């Protein structure tokens, strides 16, 4: 019976994190092909709690809901949801490879790696989408790339500052424990 309870609990937390992603994505600031958003926060949190597949699930489903609400179903919808899932996958891989012993430095490195991967994936998707729909220009796709990379690094700092205290509070509730050195450990 406890296995059923834990799977229901996990499913419930993932659903809440997916809904939180969707909600935060609606309050993003967009400047052309540049977006400032905290929507990645629940994806990162889910990846740290449930590993790469959990982060991937939350990211893909949340981004799919966002795409449906903002743009509807198009031939490139699947492409646009992939970068968000990629963020969850990368952070989740860090969590699982570290056996859920999360350190600030390790988490920051994972966030930077995820940010760079998401920026590269979004750039590729922008190029593909613009080619499919006939609005491609080098300036559109690559013009703000350096700024987007630097912004991703800054966002990684913000995510670290947001995720660390939340994860510290959630860890005991979700069955984890804190080590004396300040690293989080999922029990």
C-alpha atoms as a PDB file:
ATOM      1  CA  UNK A   1       0.000   0.000   0.000  1.00  0.00           C
ATOM      2  CA  UNK A   2       2.843   2.424   0.746  1.00  0.00           C
ATOM      3  CA  UNK A   3       4.110   1.977  -2.839  1.00  0.00           C
ATOM      4  CA  UNK A   4       0.727   3.147  -4.103  1.00  0.00           C
ATOM      5  CA  UNK A   5       0.754   6.111  -1.720  1.00  0.00           C
ATOM      6  CA  UNK A   6       4.222   7.170  -2.834  1.00  0.00           C
ATOM      7  CA  UNK A   7       3.329   6.906  -6.532  1.00  0.00           C
ATOM      8  CA  UNK A   8       0.161   8.970  -5.969  1.00  0.00           C
ATOM      9  CA  UNK A   9       2.205  11.503  -4.003  1.00  0.00           C
ATOM     10  CA  UNK A  10       4.826  11.690  -6.773  1.00  0.00           C
ATOM     11  CA  UNK A  11       2.171  12.038  -9.472  1.00  0.00           C
ATOM     12  CA  UNK A  12       0.459  14.781  -7.462  1.00  0.00           C
ATOM     13  CA  UNK A  13       3.684  16.742  -6.960  1.00  0.00           C
ATOM     14  CA  UNK A  14       4.549  16.413 -10.659  1.00  0.00           C
ATOM     15  CA  UNK A  15       1.068  17.652 -11.598  1.00  0.00           C
ATOM     16  CA  UNK A  16       1.425  20.673  -9.316  1.00  0.00           C
ATOM     17  CA  UNK A  17       4.884  21.454 -10.735  1.00  0.00           C
ATOM     18  CA  UNK A  18       3.542  21.130 -14.300  1.00  0.00           C
ATOM     19  CA  UNK A  19       0.675  23.492 -13.480  1.00  0.00           C
ATOM     20  CA  UNK A  20       3.142  25.909 -11.868  1.00  0.00           C
ATOM     21  CA  UNK A  21       5.300  25.847 -15.024  1.00  0.00           C
ATOM     22  CA  UNK A  22       2.239  26.606 -17.143  1.00  0.00           C
ATOM     23  CA  UNK A  23       1.152  29.463 -14.879  1.00  0.00           C
ATOM     24  CA  UNK A  24       4.613  31.033 -14.689  1.00  0.00           C
ATOM     25  CA  UNK A  25       5.002  30.762 -18.474  1.00  0.00           C
ATOM     26  CA  UNK A  26       1.928  32.945 -18.921  1.00  0.00           C
ATOM     27  CA  UNK A  27       3.648  35.723 -16.957  1.00  0.00           C
ATOM     28  CA  UNK A  28       6.866  35.765 -19.004  1.00  0.00           C
ATOM     29  CA  UNK A  29       8.269  38.968 -20.458  1.00  0.00           C
ATOM     30  CA  UNK A  30       8.885  38.715 -24.207  1.00  0.00           C
ATOM     31  CA  UNK A  31      11.039  41.044 -26.268  1.00  0.00           C
ATOM     32  CA  UNK A  32      10.987  39.655 -29.808  1.00  0.00           C
ATOM     33  CA  UNK A  33      12.858  36.349 -29.690  1.00  0.00           C
ATOM     34  CA  UNK A  34      14.119  37.000 -26.157  1.00  0.00           C
ATOM     35  CA  UNK A  35      12.065  35.823 -23.152  1.00  0.00           C
ATOM     36  CA  UNK A  36      12.563  36.433 -19.430  1.00  0.00           C
ATOM     37  CA  UNK A  37      10.729  33.851 -17.361  1.00  0.00           C
ATOM     38  CA  UNK A  38      10.799  31.955 -14.089  1.00  0.00           C
ATOM     39  CA  UNK A  39       8.873  29.069 -15.645  1.00  0.00           C
ATOM     40  CA  UNK A  40      11.962  26.836 -15.519  1.00  0.00           C
ATOM     41  CA  UNK A  41      11.850  26.850 -11.705  1.00  0.00           C
ATOM     42  CA  UNK A  42       9.296  24.004 -11.292  1.00  0.00           C
ATOM     43  CA  UNK A  43      11.059  21.956 -13.994  1.00  0.00           C
ATOM     44  CA  UNK A  44      14.359  22.262 -12.122  1.00  0.00           C
ATOM     45  CA  UNK A  45      12.729  21.459  -8.792  1.00  0.00           C
ATOM     46  CA  UNK A  46      10.987  18.411 -10.266  1.00  0.00           C
ATOM     47  CA  UNK A  47      14.234  17.210 -11.862  1.00  0.00           C
ATOM     48  CA  UNK A  48      16.053  17.470  -8.541  1.00  0.00           C
ATOM     49  CA  UNK A  49      13.298  15.580  -6.756  1.00  0.00           C
ATOM     50  CA  UNK A  50      12.458  12.930  -9.366  1.00  0.00           C
ATOM     51  CA  UNK A  51      15.494  12.671 -11.617  1.00  0.00           C
ATOM     52  CA  UNK A  52      15.889  13.034 -15.374  1.00  0.00           C
ATOM     53  CA  UNK A  53      12.615  11.421 -16.418  1.00  0.00           C
ATOM     54  CA  UNK A  54      10.635  13.406 -13.856  1.00  0.00           C
ATOM     55  CA  UNK A  55      12.213  16.670 -15.015  1.00  0.00           C
ATOM     56  CA  UNK A  56      11.661  15.705 -18.638  1.00  0.00           C
ATOM     57  CA  UNK A  57       7.981  14.884 -18.009  1.00  0.00           C
ATOM     58  CA  UNK A  58       7.275  18.128 -16.168  1.00  0.00           C
ATOM     59  CA  UNK A  59       9.097  20.199 -18.782  1.00  0.00           C
ATOM     60  CA  UNK A  60       7.501  18.566 -21.819  1.00  0.00           C
ATOM     61  CA  UNK A  61       3.953  18.569 -20.468  1.00  0.00           C
ATOM     62  CA  UNK A  62       4.193  22.106 -19.075  1.00  0.00           C
ATOM     63  CA  UNK A  63       5.638  23.440 -22.331  1.00  0.00           C
ATOM     64  CA  UNK A  64       3.012  21.568 -24.348  1.00  0.00           C
ATOM     65  CA  UNK A  65       0.236  23.221 -22.319  1.00  0.00           C
ATOM     66  CA  UNK A  66       1.915  26.613 -22.799  1.00  0.00           C
ATOM     67  CA  UNK A  67       2.189  26.085 -26.571  1.00  0.00           C
ATOM     68  CA  UNK A  68      -1.462  25.032 -26.815  1.00  0.00           C
ATOM     69  CA  UNK A  69      -2.619  28.087 -24.861  1.00  0.00           C
ATOM     70  CA  UNK A  70      -0.453  30.637 -26.676  1.00  0.00           C
ATOM     71  CA  UNK A  71      -0.122  29.290 -30.238  1.00  0.00           C
ATOM     72  CA  UNK A  72      -2.280  26.210 -30.715  1.00  0.00           C
ATOM     73  CA  UNK A  73      -1.097  23.040 -32.409  1.00  0.00           C
ATOM     74  CA  UNK A  74       1.314  23.618 -35.316  1.00  0.00           C
ATOM     75  CA  UNK A  75       3.770  21.443 -37.201  1.00  0.00           C
ATOM     76  CA  UNK A  76       6.599  22.765 -34.998  1.00  0.00           C
ATOM     77  CA  UNK A  77       4.876  22.446 -31.592  1.00  0.00           C
ATOM     78  CA  UNK A  78       6.890  19.353 -30.689  1.00  0.00           C
ATOM     79  CA  UNK A  79      10.107  21.207 -31.496  1.00  0.00           C
ATOM     80  CA  UNK A  80       9.198  24.125 -29.205  1.00  0.00           C
ATOM     81  CA  UNK A  81       8.566  21.885 -26.193  1.00  0.00           C
ATOM     82  CA  UNK A  82      11.874  19.998 -26.468  1.00  0.00           C
ATOM     83  CA  UNK A  83      14.169  22.690 -24.974  1.00  0.00           C
ATOM     84  CA  UNK A  84      12.086  22.843 -21.780  1.00  0.00           C
ATOM     85  CA  UNK A  85      12.212  19.070 -21.440  1.00  0.00           C
ATOM     86  CA  UNK A  86      15.952  19.227 -22.065  1.00  0.00           C
ATOM     87  CA  UNK A  87      16.401  21.508 -19.029  1.00  0.00           C
ATOM     88  CA  UNK A  88      14.635  18.947 -16.830  1.00  0.00           C
ATOM     89  CA  UNK A  89      16.625  16.090 -18.326  1.00  0.00           C
ATOM     90  CA  UNK A  90      20.023  17.743 -17.750  1.00  0.00           C
ATOM     91  CA  UNK A  91      19.329  18.864 -14.186  1.00  0.00           C
ATOM     92  CA  UNK A  92      17.779  15.475 -13.436  1.00  0.00           C
ATOM     93  CA  UNK A  93      20.861  13.691 -14.778  1.00  0.00           C
ATOM     94  CA  UNK A  94      22.984  15.738 -12.389  1.00  0.00           C
ATOM     95  CA  UNK A  95      20.698  14.799  -9.492  1.00  0.00           C
ATOM     96  CA  UNK A  96      20.686  11.087 -10.279  1.00  0.00           C
ATOM     97  CA  UNK A  97      24.431  10.898 -11.041  1.00  0.00           C
ATOM     98  CA  UNK A  98      25.165  12.590  -7.702  1.00  0.00           C
ATOM     99  CA  UNK A  99      22.800  10.088  -6.033  1.00  0.00           C
ATOM    100  CA  UNK A 100      20.617  13.058  -4.987  1.00  0.00           C
ATOM    101  CA  UNK A 101      23.408  14.516  -2.868  1.00  0.00           C
ATOM    102  CA  UNK A 102      22.952  18.030  -4.191  1.00  0.00           C
ATOM    103  CA  UNK A 103      25.600  20.680  -3.575  1.00  0.00           C
ATOM    104  CA  UNK A 104      25.347  24.355  -4.470  1.00  0.00           C
ATOM    105  CA  UNK A 105      28.380  24.191  -6.759  1.00  0.00           C
ATOM    106  CA  UNK A 106      27.151  21.044  -8.506  1.00  0.00           C
ATOM    107  CA  UNK A 107      23.660  22.461  -8.892  1.00  0.00           C
ATOM    108  CA  UNK A 108      25.031  25.718 -10.319  1.00  0.00           C
ATOM    109  CA  UNK A 109      27.151  23.797 -12.837  1.00  0.00           C
ATOM    110  CA  UNK A 110      24.095  21.748 -13.860  1.00  0.00           C
ATOM    111  CA  UNK A 111      22.005  24.916 -14.208  1.00  0.00           C
ATOM    112  CA  UNK A 112      24.656  26.566 -16.415  1.00  0.00           C
ATOM    113  CA  UNK A 113      24.951  23.428 -18.565  1.00  0.00           C
ATOM    114  CA  UNK A 114      21.163  23.240 -18.887  1.00  0.00           C
ATOM    115  CA  UNK A 115      20.960  26.934 -19.745  1.00  0.00           C
ATOM    116  CA  UNK A 116      23.528  26.597 -22.531  1.00  0.00           C
ATOM    117  CA  UNK A 117      21.792  23.501 -23.904  1.00  0.00           C
ATOM    118  CA  UNK A 118      18.367  25.189 -23.793  1.00  0.00           C
ATOM    119  CA  UNK A 119      19.728  28.290 -25.543  1.00  0.00           C
ATOM    120  CA  UNK A 120      21.298  26.142 -28.270  1.00  0.00           C
ATOM    121  CA  UNK A 121      18.097  24.095 -28.653  1.00  0.00           C
ATOM    122  CA  UNK A 122      15.895  27.197 -28.757  1.00  0.00           C
ATOM    123  CA  UNK A 123      18.154  28.710 -31.412  1.00  0.00           C
ATOM    124  CA  UNK A 124      17.879  25.547 -33.518  1.00  0.00           C
ATOM    125  CA  UNK A 125      14.086  25.506 -33.071  1.00  0.00           C
ATOM    126  CA  UNK A 126      13.856  29.198 -34.018  1.00  0.00           C
ATOM    127  CA  UNK A 127      15.790  28.438 -37.192  1.00  0.00           C
ATOM    128  CA  UNK A 128      13.632  25.412 -38.027  1.00  0.00           C
ATOM    129  CA  UNK A 129      10.355  27.220 -37.273  1.00  0.00           C
ATOM    130  CA  UNK A 130      11.369  30.257 -39.327  1.00  0.00           C
ATOM    131  CA  UNK A 131      12.362  28.049 -42.270  1.00  0.00           C
ATOM    132  CA  UNK A 132       9.111  26.058 -42.115  1.00  0.00           C
ATOM    133  CA  UNK A 133       6.940  29.186 -41.948  1.00  0.00           C
ATOM    134  CA  UNK A 134       9.059  31.316 -44.297  1.00  0.00           C
ATOM    135  CA  UNK A 135      10.307  34.123 -42.067  1.00  0.00           C
ATOM    136  CA  UNK A 136      13.962  33.074 -41.666  1.00  0.00           C
ATOM    137  CA  UNK A 137      16.641  35.713 -41.284  1.00  0.00           C
ATOM    138  CA  UNK A 138      20.110  35.328 -39.823  1.00  0.00           C
ATOM    139  CA  UNK A 139      19.544  38.450 -37.728  1.00  0.00           C
ATOM    140  CA  UNK A 140      16.355  37.009 -36.212  1.00  0.00           C
ATOM    141  CA  UNK A 141      17.846  33.635 -35.366  1.00  0.00           C
ATOM    142  CA  UNK A 142      21.367  34.636 -34.299  1.00  0.00           C
ATOM    143  CA  UNK A 143      21.212  38.403 -33.661  1.00  0.00           C
ATOM    144  CA  UNK A 144      20.621  38.214 -29.904  1.00  0.00           C
ATOM    145  CA  UNK A 145      22.414  34.900 -29.300  1.00  0.00           C
ATOM    146  CA  UNK A 146      25.213  36.315 -27.125  1.00  0.00           C
ATOM    147  CA  UNK A 147      22.703  38.280 -25.061  1.00  0.00           C
ATOM    148  CA  UNK A 148      20.538  35.145 -24.676  1.00  0.00           C
ATOM    149  CA  UNK A 149      23.569  33.132 -23.517  1.00  0.00           C
ATOM    150  CA  UNK A 150      24.500  35.782 -20.927  1.00  0.00           C
ATOM    151  CA  UNK A 151      20.881  36.050 -19.831  1.00  0.00           C
ATOM    152  CA  UNK A 152      20.760  32.265 -19.383  1.00  0.00           C
ATOM    153  CA  UNK A 153      23.792  32.462 -17.097  1.00  0.00           C
ATOM    154  CA  UNK A 154      22.089  35.189 -15.072  1.00  0.00           C
ATOM    155  CA  UNK A 155      18.899  33.178 -14.903  1.00  0.00           C
ATOM    156  CA  UNK A 156      20.931  30.224 -13.607  1.00  0.00           C
ATOM    157  CA  UNK A 157      22.027  32.364 -10.651  1.00  0.00           C
ATOM    158  CA  UNK A 158      18.412  33.377  -9.992  1.00  0.00           C
ATOM    159  CA  UNK A 159      17.256  29.752 -10.205  1.00  0.00           C
ATOM    160  CA  UNK A 160      19.999  28.672  -7.784  1.00  0.00           C
ATOM    161  CA  UNK A 161      18.902  31.360  -5.313  1.00  0.00           C
ATOM    162  CA  UNK A 162      15.270  30.254  -5.649  1.00  0.00           C
ATOM    163  CA  UNK A 163      15.679  26.482  -5.762  1.00  0.00           C
ATOM    164  CA  UNK A 164      18.160  25.999  -2.920  1.00  0.00           C
ATOM    165  CA  UNK A 165      15.966  27.266  -0.040  1.00  0.00           C
ATOM    166  CA  UNK A 166      12.832  25.623  -1.461  1.00  0.00           C
ATOM    167  CA  UNK A 167      14.594  22.294  -1.873  1.00  0.00           C
ATOM    168  CA  UNK A 168      15.948  22.601   1.671  1.00  0.00           C
ATOM    169  CA  UNK A 169      12.394  23.029   2.982  1.00  0.00           C
ATOM    170  CA  UNK A 170      10.857  20.322   0.787  1.00  0.00           C
ATOM    171  CA  UNK A 171      13.535  17.684   1.304  1.00  0.00           C
ATOM    172  CA  UNK A 172      12.341  16.584   4.795  1.00  0.00           C
ATOM    173  CA  UNK A 173       8.701  16.615   3.696  1.00  0.00           C
ATOM    174  CA  UNK A 174       9.484  14.409   0.705  1.00  0.00           C
ATOM    175  CA  UNK A 175      11.502  11.896   2.697  1.00  0.00           C
ATOM    176  CA  UNK A 176      14.966  13.433   2.349  1.00  0.00           C
ATOM    177  CA  UNK A 177      17.421  14.670   4.969  1.00  0.00           C
ATOM    178  CA  UNK A 178      20.104  17.353   5.231  1.00  0.00           C
ATOM    179  CA  UNK A 179      23.718  16.453   5.721  1.00  0.00           C
ATOM    180  CA  UNK A 180      25.798  18.543   8.120  1.00  0.00           C
ATOM    181  CA  UNK A 181      27.898  20.033   5.333  1.00  0.00           C
ATOM    182  CA  UNK A 182      24.805  21.703   3.887  1.00  0.00           C
ATOM    183  CA  UNK A 183      24.399  19.334   0.954  1.00  0.00           C
ATOM    184  CA  UNK A 184      20.903  18.069   0.332  1.00  0.00           C
ATOM    185  CA  UNK A 185      20.398  14.355   0.316  1.00  0.00           C
ATOM    186  CA  UNK A 186      17.270  12.565  -0.817  1.00  0.00           C
ATOM    187  CA  UNK A 187      16.669   9.637   1.492  1.00  0.00           C
END
